[in-house]
Amino acid sequence: MCRRTGAIFGYYEFGTVSVQGHPENTEEYIWGDRTLKNIRCKTCGNVTHWEPLDAEAGARHGVNLRNFDPKLLECAVVRRFDGADTWTFLD
């Protein structure tokens, strides 16, 4: 999904980051192995973040950093991850 949407996700322990906005402007969808809930903008379809369906201890969630000011990415440490085939970091 990241490659298709052009997203750069920041990953955080679930519950440690607050995603704020008007819920009527977003919609949720679940696909694949049905472990994640993806949230996207109703207007443009851009993914804002994803959350685990089963938020057990240690669960993570991802926030699409492309929705923030580009200067934020200049100071972020970005690690490349192959989530399509090998499930390993590429750096």
C-alpha atoms as a PDB file:
ATOM      1  CA  MET A   1       0.000   0.000   0.000  1.00  0.00           C
ATOM      2  CA  CYS A   2       2.799   2.473   0.843  1.00  0.00           C
ATOM      3  CA  ARG A   3       4.331   2.137  -2.601  1.00  0.00           C
ATOM      4  CA  ARG A   4       1.007   2.627  -4.392  1.00  0.00           C
ATOM      5  CA  THR A   5      -0.014   5.673  -2.369  1.00  0.00           C
ATOM      6  CA  GLY A   6       3.433   7.298  -2.117  1.00  0.00           C
ATOM      7  CA  ALA A   7       3.045   7.379   1.652  1.00  0.00           C
ATOM      8  CA  ILE A   8       5.862   7.671   4.136  1.00  0.00           C
ATOM      9  CA  PHE A   9       4.566   6.175   7.350  1.00  0.00           C
ATOM     10  CA  GLY A  10       5.806   7.007  10.814  1.00  0.00           C
ATOM     11  CA  TYR A  11       5.227   4.037  13.132  1.00  0.00           C
ATOM     12  CA  TYR A  12       4.306   4.509  16.765  1.00  0.00           C
ATOM     13  CA  GLU A  13       3.083   2.438  19.679  1.00  0.00           C
ATOM     14  CA  PHE A  14      -0.698   2.462  19.439  1.00  0.00           C
ATOM     15  CA  GLY A  15      -2.217   5.078  21.713  1.00  0.00           C
ATOM     16  CA  THR A  16       0.893   7.282  21.971  1.00  0.00           C
ATOM     17  CA  VAL A  17      -0.066   9.542  19.045  1.00  0.00           C
ATOM     18  CA  SER A  18      -3.306  11.439  18.719  1.00  0.00           C
ATOM     19  CA  VAL A  19      -4.747  11.848  15.221  1.00  0.00           C
ATOM     20  CA  GLN A  20      -7.168  14.757  15.290  1.00  0.00           C
ATOM     21  CA  GLY A  21      -9.700  15.995  12.799  1.00  0.00           C
ATOM     22  CA  HIS A  22     -13.354  15.836  11.975  1.00  0.00           C
ATOM     23  CA  PRO A  23     -14.506  12.186  11.785  1.00  0.00           C
ATOM     24  CA  GLU A  24     -17.180  13.107   9.245  1.00  0.00           C
ATOM     25  CA  ASN A  25     -14.371  13.962   6.794  1.00  0.00           C
ATOM     26  CA  THR A  26     -12.782  10.519   6.891  1.00  0.00           C
ATOM     27  CA  GLU A  27     -13.816   6.953   6.223  1.00  0.00           C
ATOM     28  CA  GLU A  28     -12.435   3.610   7.334  1.00  0.00           C
ATOM     29  CA  TYR A  29     -11.765   0.531   5.276  1.00  0.00           C
ATOM     30  CA  ILE A  30     -10.435  -2.923   6.042  1.00  0.00           C
ATOM     31  CA  TRP A  31      -8.910  -5.286   3.481  1.00  0.00           C
ATOM     32  CA  GLY A  32      -6.363  -8.068   3.097  1.00  0.00           C
ATOM     33  CA  ASP A  33      -5.752 -10.143   6.203  1.00  0.00           C
ATOM     34  CA  ARG A  34      -8.230  -7.962   8.160  1.00  0.00           C
ATOM     35  CA  THR A  35      -5.793  -6.950  10.896  1.00  0.00           C
ATOM     36  CA  LEU A  36      -5.657  -3.204  10.154  1.00  0.00           C
ATOM     37  CA  LYS A  37      -8.193  -0.423   9.844  1.00  0.00           C
ATOM     38  CA  ASN A  38      -7.114   2.173   7.264  1.00  0.00           C
ATOM     39  CA  ILE A  39      -8.445   5.702   7.534  1.00  0.00           C
ATOM     40  CA  ARG A  40      -8.598   8.004   4.499  1.00  0.00           C
ATOM     41  CA  CYS A  41      -9.980  11.385   3.477  1.00  0.00           C
ATOM     42  CA  LYS A  42     -13.509  11.203   2.015  1.00  0.00           C
ATOM     43  CA  THR A  43     -12.708  14.000  -0.442  1.00  0.00           C
ATOM     44  CA  CYS A  44      -9.383  12.979  -1.988  1.00  0.00           C
ATOM     45  CA  GLY A  45      -8.950   9.385  -0.776  1.00  0.00           C
ATOM     46  CA  ASN A  46      -5.519  10.078   0.739  1.00  0.00           C
ATOM     47  CA  VAL A  47      -4.620   7.689   3.566  1.00  0.00           C
ATOM     48  CA  THR A  48      -4.154   9.557   6.835  1.00  0.00           C
ATOM     49  CA  HIS A  49      -3.247   6.659   9.125  1.00  0.00           C
ATOM     50  CA  TRP A  50      -3.909   3.045   9.990  1.00  0.00           C
ATOM     51  CA  GLU A  51      -4.715   1.333  13.282  1.00  0.00           C
ATOM     52  CA  PRO A  52      -4.705  -2.280  14.420  1.00  0.00           C
ATOM     53  CA  LEU A  53      -8.111  -3.912  14.755  1.00  0.00           C
ATOM     54  CA  ASP A  54      -6.859  -5.814  17.806  1.00  0.00           C
ATOM     55  CA  ALA A  55      -4.968  -3.227  19.852  1.00  0.00           C
ATOM     56  CA  GLU A  56      -3.127  -5.611  22.164  1.00  0.00           C
ATOM     57  CA  ALA A  57      -0.090  -4.575  24.198  1.00  0.00           C
ATOM     58  CA  GLY A  58       2.784  -3.447  21.995  1.00  0.00           C
ATOM     59  CA  ALA A  59       0.575  -2.906  18.928  1.00  0.00           C
ATOM     60  CA  ARG A  60       1.711  -0.223  16.515  1.00  0.00           C
ATOM     61  CA  HIS A  61      -0.036   2.176  14.195  1.00  0.00           C
ATOM     62  CA  GLY A  62       1.150   4.206  11.237  1.00  0.00           C
ATOM     63  CA  VAL A  63       0.660   7.883  10.417  1.00  0.00           C
ATOM     64  CA  ASN A  64       1.164   9.128   6.857  1.00  0.00           C
ATOM     65  CA  LEU A  65       3.850  11.805   7.233  1.00  0.00           C
ATOM     66  CA  ARG A  66       3.090  13.112   3.722  1.00  0.00           C
ATOM     67  CA  ASN A  67       0.136  14.947   5.312  1.00  0.00           C
ATOM     68  CA  PHE A  68       2.507  17.180   7.311  1.00  0.00           C
ATOM     69  CA  ASP A  69       4.684  20.124   6.343  1.00  0.00           C
ATOM     70  CA  PRO A  70       7.528  18.782   4.119  1.00  0.00           C
ATOM     71  CA  LYS A  71      10.090  20.315   6.511  1.00  0.00           C
ATOM     72  CA  LEU A  72       9.121  17.631   9.012  1.00  0.00           C
ATOM     73  CA  LEU A  73      10.542  14.939   6.714  1.00  0.00           C
ATOM     74  CA  GLU A  74      13.857  16.814   6.426  1.00  0.00           C
ATOM     75  CA  CYS A  75      14.669  16.027  10.067  1.00  0.00           C
ATOM     76  CA  ALA A  76      13.110  12.555  10.237  1.00  0.00           C
ATOM     77  CA  VAL A  77      15.186   9.398  10.141  1.00  0.00           C
ATOM     78  CA  VAL A  78      13.771   7.346   7.273  1.00  0.00           C
ATOM     79  CA  ARG A  79      14.465   3.623   7.070  1.00  0.00           C
ATOM     80  CA  ARG A  80      13.526   1.750   3.913  1.00  0.00           C
ATOM     81  CA  PHE A  81      11.486  -1.385   4.535  1.00  0.00           C
ATOM     82  CA  ASP A  82      10.510  -4.050   2.024  1.00  0.00           C
ATOM     83  CA  GLY A  83       7.003  -4.919   3.138  1.00  0.00           C
ATOM     84  CA  ALA A  84       6.160  -6.421  -0.246  1.00  0.00           C
ATOM     85  CA  ASP A  85       8.567  -9.376  -0.410  1.00  0.00           C
ATOM     86  CA  THR A  86      11.271  -9.858   2.213  1.00  0.00           C
ATOM     87  CA  TRP A  87       9.875  -7.990   5.236  1.00  0.00           C
ATOM     88  CA  THR A  88      13.350  -6.663   5.992  1.00  0.00           C
ATOM     89  CA  PHE A  89      14.895  -3.216   6.280  1.00  0.00           C
ATOM     90  CA  LEU A  90      16.883  -2.244   3.191  1.00  0.00           C
ATOM     91  CA  ASP A  91      19.354   0.141   4.854  1.00  0.00           C
END
